[in-house]
Structures are given as structure tokens and as C-alpha cells.
Amino acid sequence: MTASAPRYMARFRCIAEACEDTCCAGLTVPISEARWSLLRQKVAGSPDEARVAALISPNPEGATGQQAGILGKRADGHCAFLDEAKLCSLQRRYGEAVLPDGCSVFPRVLTRWGAQVEMAGSLACPETARLCLLAEDALVREPVPEEQALRPQVARQVAAGDDAWTAHADTVREAMLRLLERREVPFAARLYALGRMALGLGDFYSPGTTAFAPAAGEASRQPGVSEAVEASAHEGDATRAESAEGRLARILRDYETTETLASLQAQLEALELPGGPWAGICGAVLRSREAAVSSPRFLSLMHAVRASYGGADTSPDDAWRLHAARRSALESLHGERVRQYFLHHALNHVLRHPFTEAPSLLNAVFLLVLRASVVRWVLLGHPAVVALLDAPGTPEAALDAAAVEAFQVVAKHVEQAPAFLDFAKGLAGEGPETFARLLILVKGL
């Protein structure tokens, strides 16, 4: 059986000790009962037996199965099993089979859509960020041997197809990916179109929707009901189901037309919103993470970014003016390259974060735009980018290096943090409120 993956993940190979970061830090790593048992067998009678017993503890929340144990950390937040060469001592001595699923699979993100295993990548790894952002063909999807996905059995099922929300998910996702690829339309307008499309679908296509199903109680035969009446009821049910499916297809089709996209682009360009709130949101997200993260790499970059926008006491409006000026200058120097970064980030986001796990399609789009906003803020505040704008002849490689660091650091320390996800949920609100707040974020991009 084959899996599918974007081309950058088919190319991925861990660069181990040559990496500028380590995936063995800053994360809470669970181990399953089965892997824990295998590891104990492998280390029995060796000097590592006592280390494994001391450094892996039962899950304090009482979980069993896949989350039975938790790997210990050193005082600096690194995994207790990381050696002096920045390599895993357990893998080096006992092989990949003893590793927890998360350690074995990372930076791969495995999902199962029906019977198909898909492998995307986490940009929290510097090498995947490099491969994803910098190669023009990085997001071309292609089949790969399932063994390249390492442990396909741990892929999470995201579209079983036993309800309308997941049954139509692949169709909706493909429409999202096609819309993001419409490069004749500015990137912000594509995100705006995604939001409008999600808003239009939201009143009948959502988790638990019954719009595609026969009305309750009408699909089964009732005593005393004639064959003709029952047949009529079935016809009515079929019409309702076709109507919902037809409406879904029509809306998706509408958002592929040149006329619709041109109209939405014009609407967005005519909309005037202050940029201060956007800057305030991005700054608040990063200040919150600074208080919770101990990584010197993350903190060093965040301090530099904040200083580049004028320091802690700068108002959001003043910071926005700096950002807007840099955005314009960078567009004139390296606009095509920057657009590629953010397009690839967005395409990968759709593949890596199945929208079926969100409360609604609109919420999924909101989270994509919020993540893109935060990393845009970091990139344009990166000291290397600020220096590049002061020296326009700087090679593009300097911009690439800054982009890889910005996207990777945000992916690792911000995007998946529970506190950030809670903040995003509260900021998004619901329904039309979510769309109104989405507009603020889109205009900032």
C-alpha cells in the first residue's frame, strides 16, 4: 500500500547533529505501554536499565495505552536521553523500534483519509521548514511507499466518511487547496475568499449536520402508510439530500470562477481597517509565549523582534506603521519569494491540520490566518530582514535563512501551544463574528 505526501516530505532526511535546533527539547513526550515494555526488555541487564526506570514515569494524569508513560526532561528542558552529540542515546544503542511514536514519527504528521494514509510535515523542524518553504515544487503531492511514513498504524483517522461532515471533507479540502493556488489573485484575497466560502457553507455544512440526511422518522415505514405515500416520503428525502449536496457543489464551484475572485479582491482592497489591532494581536500572542517558553533560541528572536518594532512600550499603531513600511519595501525587493513562503505555509497548513478537527470550517480558516499573521509579524521584525531592507543588495539567501527561522520557531513554540489555541478560540468567536475578526487579520497580511 502507498501513502501520499507533499514532495518536500518525500525528500526529508533528518540532519541530526547538524541541525540548528533539536526536536528533543521543549515538548512533553508520552510513550505507549507497548513501546515502554519493549524498551524495558531491550535495556534489561544494561547500565541503561536504571536510567529508564528513573527517567520514564507513569502518566500523572493516569492515562494508559498510547499515553501510559512520560519521558523525563533535564533542567534545561531537553530530553533526559539526549546525548552530548545532540543525538538520542536510546535510538543509538537500541534502534528506532524502542522510540515513542512521537519521537519516531516527528516531523511527519500522519493522517488517514478513508483508507489512504497521508504524510505532511511539521514546520517545527528546521529541515522540514527549509524544504517546504524554499523549493518551488515542495507542495506537489505524490505517492510514497507507506514504510516511508514510518509508523502508519498511528495515523489518526480524520475522515471516516460515516457522517456528512467527514464524507464531504476531501471534496472541500481539495477546493481549499485549489483556491489557495490561484496565484493571479493576491494572497490576502485568497484567504478572504476562503473565509467567505467557509461562511457560506457554515449554515448547512458543519460537524453533526443533518442537512444531507433524510429527515428523522421519515425514512422508515410506518404501520398503515401506503406504498405510494412511503415512496413519496423517500423521494422527498432524496431531494433534500441532493439539495444539500448540490448547494455544496455550487458554492465550491462559485469560488473557482475568475469573476467571483475578482469581485472579492475588489471588496477587500476597498475595505479600510486600522492596522493597530492586527499588530496588537500579534504582539499579545508572542508576549504570552515568551512568558511560558524557556528556549534561548525562541527568546532571543522574540526579544530582537520586539526591539525592532520599537520595544515593549511602543503602541500597536506605531508598530503597525513600521510593519506596513517594511511590508511594502520587502514586496518591492523580494515579493515573489515572500509570497511563496506564505503560500507553502498555507498549503501545508491545510494538509497538516485537517479542518474536520475544528468546530467549523470558518474556525479552521481563522486559525490558518492567525498563524500566518503571527509568523508574518515575526518575519518582518527579524533583525536579518530589517538589515536586508537597509541594504537592498543583500543576497536572497539571507532572507531565506530568516524565513526558515521565523516559521520554524513560531511553529515549534507558538502554533500548537494549548494556550495559543485557547486564545485563538476565544478571539475567533462564532459565525459572523468570526468572519469580522478574520477580516482584521487578512488586512494585516
Protein backbone atom coordinates (compact mmCIF):
# COMPACT_ATOMS: atom_id res chain seq x y z
CA MET A 1 0.00 0.00 0.00
CA THR A 2 1.20 3.52 -0.73
CA ALA A 3 0.83 6.75 1.18
CA SER A 4 0.78 10.25 -0.27
CA ALA A 5 2.96 13.17 0.73
CA PRO A 6 3.96 16.61 -0.50
CA ARG A 7 7.26 16.36 -2.33
CA TYR A 8 9.24 18.10 0.40
CA MET A 9 8.38 15.31 2.83
CA ALA A 10 9.40 12.65 0.30
CA ARG A 11 12.77 14.46 0.24
CA PHE A 12 13.08 14.83 4.01
CA ARG A 13 16.02 13.24 5.81
CA CYS A 14 16.89 14.14 9.39
CA ILE A 15 20.18 16.04 9.53
CA ALA A 16 20.66 15.03 13.19
CA GLU A 17 23.55 16.77 14.93
CA ALA A 18 23.96 19.22 12.03
CA CYS A 19 20.55 20.74 12.83
CA GLU A 20 20.43 24.24 14.29
CA ASP A 21 17.75 23.13 16.74
CA THR A 22 16.74 19.88 18.39
CA CYS A 23 13.35 18.23 18.42
CA CYS A 24 14.34 16.70 21.77
CA ALA A 25 13.53 19.83 23.76
CA GLY A 26 10.52 21.75 24.95
CA LEU A 27 7.96 19.00 24.41
CA THR A 28 6.16 16.60 26.72
CA VAL A 29 6.69 13.18 25.16
CA PRO A 30 4.39 10.27 26.02
CA ILE A 31 5.30 6.63 25.47
CA SER A 32 2.83 3.81 24.90
CA GLU A 33 2.63 0.75 27.10
CA ALA A 34 3.85 -1.41 24.21
CA ARG A 35 6.95 0.73 23.45
CA TRP A 36 7.71 1.15 27.14
CA SER A 37 7.59 -2.61 27.63
CA LEU A 38 9.84 -3.18 24.60
CA LEU A 39 12.33 -0.60 25.85
CA ARG A 40 12.48 -2.24 29.28
CA GLN A 41 13.18 -5.58 27.61
CA LYS A 42 15.98 -4.10 25.49
CA VAL A 43 17.76 -2.36 28.37
CA ALA A 44 17.40 -5.22 30.86
CA GLY A 45 20.76 -6.04 32.41
CA SER A 46 22.49 -2.99 30.88
CA PRO A 47 23.58 0.25 32.55
CA ASP A 48 20.55 1.88 30.94
CA GLU A 49 18.10 -0.26 32.90
CA ALA A 50 18.27 2.01 35.94
CA ARG A 51 18.14 5.17 33.78
CA VAL A 52 15.00 4.04 32.00
CA ALA A 53 13.37 3.13 35.31
CA ALA A 54 14.23 6.52 36.79
CA LEU A 55 13.58 8.77 33.80
CA ILE A 56 10.28 7.44 32.45
CA SER A 57 7.34 7.90 34.79
CA PRO A 58 3.71 6.77 34.68
CA ASN A 59 1.49 9.45 33.20
CA PRO A 60 0.49 11.70 36.14
CA GLU A 61 -2.98 12.07 34.62
CA GLY A 62 -3.49 8.33 34.91
CA ALA A 63 -3.64 7.70 31.16
CA THR A 64 -2.90 4.25 29.79
CA GLY A 65 -2.40 2.78 26.34
CA GLN A 66 -0.73 5.25 23.97
CA GLN A 67 -0.09 7.78 26.78
CA ALA A 68 0.99 5.40 29.54
CA GLY A 69 4.34 6.98 30.37
CA ILE A 70 6.10 10.35 30.13
CA LEU A 71 9.77 10.79 29.26
CA GLY A 72 11.72 12.88 31.74
CA LYS A 73 13.45 16.17 30.97
CA ARG A 74 16.67 17.77 32.09
CA ALA A 75 16.67 21.08 33.91
CA ASP A 76 17.21 22.89 30.58
CA GLY A 77 14.07 21.33 29.11
CA HIS A 78 15.88 18.85 26.88
CA CYS A 79 15.00 15.16 26.88
CA ALA A 80 16.88 13.25 29.55
CA PHE A 81 18.04 10.74 26.92
CA LEU A 82 19.66 13.32 24.61
CA ASP A 83 23.43 12.82 24.50
CA GLU A 84 26.31 15.27 24.14
CA ALA A 85 26.25 14.96 20.34
CA LYS A 86 22.59 16.10 20.20
CA LEU A 87 21.52 12.54 19.35
CA CYS A 88 19.10 10.18 21.05
CA SER A 89 21.07 7.75 23.21
CA LEU A 90 18.22 5.23 23.16
CA GLN A 91 17.99 5.12 19.37
CA ARG A 92 21.76 4.95 19.01
CA ARG A 93 22.03 1.93 21.30
CA TYR A 94 18.76 0.06 20.79
CA GLY A 95 17.31 1.17 17.46
CA GLU A 96 14.29 3.10 16.24
CA ALA A 97 11.84 0.43 17.40
CA VAL A 98 12.15 1.42 21.08
CA LEU A 99 11.28 5.07 20.49
CA PRO A 100 7.92 6.54 21.46
CA ASP A 101 5.65 7.09 18.47
CA GLY A 102 6.10 10.86 18.61
CA CYS A 103 9.89 10.60 18.53
CA SER A 104 9.89 8.07 15.71
CA VAL A 105 7.40 9.88 13.50
CA PHE A 106 8.33 13.57 14.03
CA PRO A 107 8.39 15.77 11.98
CA ARG A 108 5.97 13.63 9.99
CA VAL A 109 2.27 14.19 10.65
CA LEU A 110 0.25 11.13 9.65
CA THR A 111 -3.46 11.17 8.91
CA ARG A 112 -5.78 8.63 7.37
CA TRP A 113 -8.47 9.82 4.98
CA GLY A 114 -10.61 6.75 4.49
CA ALA A 115 -8.09 4.03 3.63
CA GLN A 116 -5.44 6.47 2.37
CA VAL A 117 -2.52 7.42 4.64
CA GLU A 118 -1.25 10.96 4.13
CA MET A 119 2.05 12.31 5.41
CA ALA A 120 2.51 16.03 5.89
CA GLY A 121 5.23 17.75 7.87
CA SER A 122 5.56 19.92 10.95
CA LEU A 123 7.46 23.13 10.28
CA ALA A 124 8.68 22.94 13.88
CA CYS A 125 11.65 21.08 12.37
CA PRO A 126 14.17 23.42 10.69
CA GLU A 127 14.86 20.96 7.89
CA THR A 128 11.20 20.47 7.00
CA ALA A 129 10.72 24.24 7.15
CA ARG A 130 13.62 24.69 4.73
CA LEU A 131 12.37 22.04 2.33
CA CYS A 132 8.76 23.25 2.48
CA LEU A 133 9.34 26.98 2.12
CA LEU A 134 12.23 27.21 -0.32
CA ALA A 135 11.62 24.68 -3.11
CA GLU A 136 9.12 25.80 -5.73
CA ASP A 137 7.71 22.28 -6.15
CA ALA A 138 7.67 21.46 -2.42
CA LEU A 139 3.89 21.08 -2.12
CA VAL A 140 3.35 18.87 -5.17
CA ARG A 141 1.70 15.75 -3.77
CA GLU A 142 2.87 12.34 -4.89
CA PRO A 143 2.65 8.70 -3.78
CA VAL A 144 5.35 7.39 -1.46
CA PRO A 145 5.91 3.91 -0.03
CA GLU A 146 3.88 3.55 3.15
CA GLU A 147 7.01 2.49 5.04
CA GLN A 148 8.40 5.98 4.42
CA ALA A 149 5.69 7.19 6.77
CA LEU A 150 7.39 5.00 9.41
CA ARG A 151 4.50 4.02 11.69
CA PRO A 152 1.36 4.33 9.54
CA GLN A 153 -0.60 2.45 12.20
CA VAL A 154 -0.52 5.57 14.40
CA ALA A 155 -2.07 7.79 11.72
CA ARG A 156 -5.14 9.47 13.13
CA GLN A 157 -8.41 8.88 11.30
CA VAL A 158 -9.76 12.24 10.23
CA ALA A 159 -12.34 11.40 7.58
CA ALA A 160 -14.07 8.12 8.21
CA GLY A 161 -16.92 9.19 5.94
CA ASP A 162 -19.65 7.88 8.24
CA ASP A 163 -21.20 11.35 8.60
CA ALA A 164 -21.74 14.22 6.16
CA TRP A 165 -19.06 16.42 7.76
CA THR A 166 -16.30 13.89 7.01
CA ALA A 167 -17.89 12.30 3.93
CA HIS A 168 -17.54 15.60 2.02
CA ALA A 169 -14.32 16.71 3.71
CA ASP A 170 -11.95 15.66 0.96
CA THR A 171 -14.03 17.49 -1.67
CA VAL A 172 -13.99 20.67 0.45
CA ARG A 173 -10.30 20.36 1.23
CA GLU A 174 -9.38 19.98 -2.45
CA ALA A 175 -11.40 23.11 -3.22
CA MET A 176 -9.49 24.97 -0.49
CA LEU A 177 -6.15 23.88 -1.94
CA ARG A 178 -7.15 24.90 -5.46
CA LEU A 179 -8.29 28.30 -4.22
CA LEU A 180 -5.01 28.89 -2.40
CA GLU A 181 -3.14 28.08 -5.63
CA ARG A 182 -4.88 30.86 -7.61
CA ARG A 183 -1.75 32.96 -7.89
CA GLU A 184 -3.30 35.57 -10.16
CA VAL A 185 -5.13 36.79 -7.04
CA PRO A 186 -3.21 38.40 -4.13
CA PHE A 187 -2.59 36.01 -1.24
CA ALA A 188 -4.68 38.04 1.21
CA ALA A 189 -7.61 37.98 -1.24
CA ARG A 190 -7.34 34.19 -1.46
CA LEU A 191 -7.59 33.94 2.31
CA TYR A 192 -10.52 36.35 2.27
CA ALA A 193 -12.20 34.15 -0.35
CA LEU A 194 -11.59 31.08 1.82
CA GLY A 195 -13.27 32.85 4.71
CA ARG A 196 -16.26 33.88 2.60
CA MET A 197 -16.59 30.36 1.23
CA ALA A 198 -16.46 28.89 4.73
CA LEU A 199 -19.07 31.38 5.94
CA GLY A 200 -21.37 30.45 3.07
CA LEU A 201 -21.02 26.74 3.79
CA GLY A 202 -21.34 27.11 7.54
CA ASP A 203 -25.12 27.21 7.86
CA PHE A 204 -25.53 23.69 6.48
CA TYR A 205 -22.06 22.08 6.38
CA SER A 206 -20.66 21.65 9.89
CA PRO A 207 -19.97 18.91 12.45
CA GLY A 208 -23.14 16.98 13.18
CA THR A 209 -25.01 18.44 10.22
CA THR A 210 -28.29 16.78 9.29
CA ALA A 211 -28.76 18.78 6.09
CA PHE A 212 -27.53 15.88 3.96
CA ALA A 213 -29.57 13.19 5.72
CA PRO A 214 -33.22 12.07 5.43
CA ALA A 215 -35.49 13.77 7.97
CA ALA A 216 -35.76 11.83 11.22
CA GLY A 217 -38.57 9.32 11.28
CA GLU A 218 -39.49 9.68 7.62
CA ALA A 219 -37.15 7.11 6.16
CA SER A 220 -38.66 4.07 7.88
CA ARG A 221 -42.02 2.55 7.04
CA GLN A 222 -44.88 3.36 9.42
CA PRO A 223 -47.81 1.00 10.07
CA GLY A 224 -50.80 1.85 7.89
CA VAL A 225 -48.85 4.01 5.45
CA SER A 226 -49.50 3.09 1.84
CA GLU A 227 -46.70 2.13 -0.53
CA ALA A 228 -47.38 5.27 -2.57
CA VAL A 229 -47.12 7.60 0.42
CA GLU A 230 -43.95 5.89 1.63
CA ALA A 231 -42.40 6.15 -1.84
CA SER A 232 -43.24 9.85 -1.86
CA ALA A 233 -41.53 10.27 1.51
CA HIS A 234 -38.40 8.58 0.18
CA GLU A 235 -38.43 10.87 -2.85
CA GLY A 236 -38.64 13.89 -0.56
CA ASP A 237 -35.70 12.60 1.46
CA ALA A 238 -33.64 12.10 -1.69
CA THR A 239 -34.47 15.62 -2.89
CA ARG A 240 -33.33 17.11 0.42
CA ALA A 241 -30.07 15.15 0.32
CA GLU A 242 -29.45 16.17 -3.29
CA SER A 243 -30.24 19.77 -2.44
CA ALA A 244 -27.56 19.91 0.27
CA GLU A 245 -25.01 18.17 -1.93
CA GLY A 246 -25.94 20.38 -4.85
CA ARG A 247 -25.62 23.51 -2.75
CA LEU A 248 -22.20 22.40 -1.52
CA ALA A 249 -21.03 21.75 -5.08
CA ARG A 250 -22.43 25.08 -6.31
CA ILE A 251 -20.72 27.13 -3.61
CA LEU A 252 -17.39 25.40 -4.17
CA ARG A 253 -17.77 25.92 -7.91
CA ASP A 254 -18.64 29.60 -7.50
CA TYR A 255 -15.40 30.25 -5.62
CA GLU A 256 -13.37 28.89 -8.51
CA THR A 257 -14.65 31.42 -11.04
CA THR A 258 -12.49 34.32 -12.13
CA GLU A 259 -15.44 36.68 -11.70
CA THR A 260 -16.02 35.73 -8.06
CA LEU A 261 -12.36 36.04 -7.14
CA ALA A 262 -12.02 39.39 -8.91
CA SER A 263 -15.09 40.70 -7.09
CA LEU A 264 -13.78 39.55 -3.71
CA GLN A 265 -10.37 41.06 -4.41
CA ALA A 266 -12.02 44.39 -5.17
CA GLN A 267 -14.10 44.19 -1.98
CA LEU A 268 -11.03 43.52 0.13
CA GLU A 269 -8.98 46.29 -1.46
CA ALA A 270 -11.82 48.78 -0.90
CA LEU A 271 -12.10 47.86 2.77
CA GLU A 272 -10.23 50.22 5.07
CA LEU A 273 -9.38 48.95 8.55
CA PRO A 274 -6.83 50.22 11.06
CA GLY A 275 -3.73 48.06 11.38
CA GLY A 276 -3.15 48.69 15.08
CA PRO A 277 -5.49 45.90 16.24
CA TRP A 278 -3.66 43.41 13.99
CA ALA A 279 -0.30 44.45 15.42
CA GLY A 280 -1.73 44.29 18.93
CA ILE A 281 -2.97 40.72 18.40
CA CYS A 282 0.38 39.52 17.06
CA GLY A 283 2.29 41.21 19.86
CA ALA A 284 -0.01 39.79 22.53
CA VAL A 285 0.41 36.25 21.21
CA LEU A 286 4.19 36.49 21.33
CA ARG A 287 4.35 38.15 24.76
CA SER A 288 2.22 35.34 26.14
CA ARG A 289 4.53 32.69 24.71
CA GLU A 290 7.65 34.49 25.94
CA ALA A 291 6.34 34.11 29.48
CA ALA A 292 5.87 30.36 29.02
CA VAL A 293 8.85 29.25 26.89
CA SER A 294 12.41 28.77 28.15
CA SER A 295 14.14 28.11 24.80
CA PRO A 296 17.06 30.57 24.41
CA ARG A 297 16.64 30.41 20.62
CA PHE A 298 13.00 31.44 20.81
CA LEU A 299 13.51 34.10 23.46
CA SER A 300 16.47 35.65 21.66
CA LEU A 301 14.49 36.04 18.45
CA MET A 302 11.40 37.36 20.23
CA HIS A 303 13.43 39.99 22.08
CA ALA A 304 15.01 41.09 18.79
CA VAL A 305 11.64 41.25 17.03
CA ARG A 306 10.08 43.31 19.81
CA ALA A 307 13.05 45.71 19.80
CA SER A 308 12.79 46.08 16.02
CA TYR A 309 9.22 47.33 16.40
CA GLY A 310 10.24 49.92 18.96
CA GLY A 311 10.32 47.99 22.22
CA ALA A 312 7.78 46.99 24.83
CA ASP A 313 6.33 50.48 25.22
CA THR A 314 5.55 51.07 21.54
CA SER A 315 1.87 51.47 20.76
CA PRO A 316 0.23 48.97 18.36
CA ASP A 317 -0.45 51.81 15.91
CA ASP A 318 3.21 52.85 15.83
CA ALA A 319 4.34 49.24 15.50
CA TRP A 320 1.87 48.76 12.66
CA ARG A 321 3.27 51.73 10.75
CA LEU A 322 6.75 50.20 10.95
CA HIS A 323 5.40 46.85 9.84
CA ALA A 324 3.45 48.32 6.92
CA ALA A 325 6.50 50.22 5.67
CA ARG A 326 8.62 47.07 5.84
CA ARG A 327 5.93 45.03 4.14
CA SER A 328 5.87 47.45 1.21
CA ALA A 329 9.66 47.59 0.96
CA LEU A 330 10.07 43.81 1.12
CA GLU A 331 7.36 43.36 -1.51
CA SER A 332 9.28 45.58 -3.91
CA LEU A 333 12.56 43.72 -3.30
CA HIS A 334 11.54 40.08 -2.84
CA GLY A 335 7.78 39.95 -3.25
CA GLU A 336 7.65 36.72 -5.23
CA ARG A 337 9.87 34.89 -2.74
CA VAL A 338 7.84 36.03 0.27
CA ARG A 339 4.59 35.08 -1.45
CA GLN A 340 6.00 31.58 -1.95
CA TYR A 341 6.79 31.24 1.77
CA PHE A 342 3.26 32.09 2.80
CA LEU A 343 1.56 30.09 0.07
CA HIS A 344 3.55 27.00 1.02
CA HIS A 345 2.82 27.58 4.70
CA ALA A 346 -0.90 27.81 3.93
CA LEU A 347 -1.00 24.75 1.68
CA ASN A 348 0.93 22.76 4.25
CA HIS A 349 -1.40 24.01 6.98
CA VAL A 350 -4.43 22.63 5.14
CA LEU A 351 -2.70 19.26 4.72
CA ARG A 352 -1.19 19.15 8.20
CA HIS A 353 -4.24 20.40 10.16
CA PRO A 354 -7.42 18.65 8.92
CA PHE A 355 -10.28 21.14 9.13
CA THR A 356 -12.57 18.35 10.35
CA GLU A 357 -10.93 18.71 13.77
CA ALA A 358 -12.10 22.33 14.07
CA PRO A 359 -15.51 23.45 15.40
CA SER A 360 -16.33 24.70 11.90
CA LEU A 361 -14.70 25.29 8.54
CA LEU A 362 -14.63 29.03 9.27
CA ASN A 363 -12.80 28.42 12.54
CA ALA A 364 -10.23 26.34 10.66
CA VAL A 365 -9.66 29.18 8.18
CA PHE A 366 -9.43 31.68 11.05
CA LEU A 367 -6.70 29.63 12.72
CA LEU A 368 -4.74 29.45 9.46
CA VAL A 369 -4.91 33.23 9.04
CA LEU A 370 -3.97 33.88 12.67
CA ARG A 371 -0.92 31.62 12.40
CA ALA A 372 0.09 33.30 9.14
CA SER A 373 -0.30 36.72 10.78
CA VAL A 374 1.94 35.86 13.72
CA VAL A 375 4.71 34.48 11.52
CA ARG A 376 4.43 37.49 9.17
CA TRP A 377 4.92 39.77 12.17
CA VAL A 378 7.97 37.79 13.27
CA LEU A 379 9.48 37.66 9.79
CA LEU A 380 9.21 41.41 9.22
CA GLY A 381 10.64 42.05 12.67
CA HIS A 382 13.52 39.60 12.21
CA PRO A 383 16.80 41.51 12.55
CA ALA A 384 18.17 39.94 9.35
CA VAL A 385 15.15 41.17 7.39
CA VAL A 386 15.42 44.65 8.89
CA ALA A 387 19.11 44.70 7.90
CA LEU A 388 18.26 43.43 4.42
CA LEU A 389 15.84 46.31 3.89
CA ASP A 390 18.63 48.73 4.81
CA ALA A 391 20.97 47.02 2.32
CA PRO A 392 18.87 46.08 -0.73
CA GLY A 393 21.77 44.25 -2.39
CA THR A 394 21.81 41.57 0.31
CA PRO A 395 21.60 38.07 -1.26
CA GLU A 396 18.22 36.37 -1.16
CA ALA A 397 19.79 33.54 0.84
CA ALA A 398 19.81 35.83 3.89
CA LEU A 399 16.04 36.28 3.56
CA ASP A 400 15.57 32.53 3.15
CA ALA A 401 17.52 31.83 6.34
CA ALA A 402 15.47 34.38 8.28
CA ALA A 403 12.24 32.92 6.92
CA VAL A 404 13.19 29.38 7.91
CA GLU A 405 13.99 30.54 11.43
CA ALA A 406 10.82 32.62 11.76
CA PHE A 407 8.45 29.92 10.50
CA GLN A 408 10.18 27.14 12.43
CA VAL A 409 10.38 28.95 15.76
CA VAL A 410 6.74 30.02 15.57
CA ALA A 411 5.63 26.52 14.56
CA LYS A 412 7.54 24.94 17.43
CA HIS A 413 6.79 27.33 20.26
CA VAL A 414 3.52 29.05 19.31
CA GLU A 415 1.27 27.29 16.82
CA GLN A 416 0.50 24.11 18.77
CA ALA A 417 0.68 25.50 22.31
CA PRO A 418 -2.59 24.86 24.20
CA ALA A 419 -2.58 28.45 25.49
CA PHE A 420 -2.33 29.78 21.93
CA LEU A 421 -5.13 27.51 20.73
CA ASP A 422 -7.32 28.68 23.62
CA PHE A 423 -6.51 32.30 22.74
CA ALA A 424 -7.39 31.66 19.09
CA LYS A 425 -10.69 30.05 20.05
CA GLY A 426 -11.67 33.00 22.23
CA LEU A 427 -10.55 35.54 19.64
CA ALA A 428 -12.46 33.84 16.84
CA GLY A 429 -15.86 33.83 18.49
CA GLU A 430 -18.61 32.26 16.37
CA GLY A 431 -20.22 32.65 12.95
CA PRO A 432 -20.40 36.20 11.52
CA GLU A 433 -18.34 37.43 14.48
CA THR A 434 -15.54 35.07 13.42
CA PHE A 435 -15.65 36.40 9.87
CA ALA A 436 -15.49 40.03 11.04
CA ARG A 437 -12.39 39.27 13.09
CA LEU A 438 -10.92 37.30 10.21
CA LEU A 439 -11.07 40.49 8.13
CA ILE A 440 -8.81 42.29 10.62
CA LEU A 441 -6.22 39.53 10.29
CA VAL A 442 -6.44 39.29 6.50
CA LYS A 443 -5.96 43.05 6.08
CA GLY A 444 -2.80 42.84 8.17
CA LEU A 445 -1.24 40.34 5.82
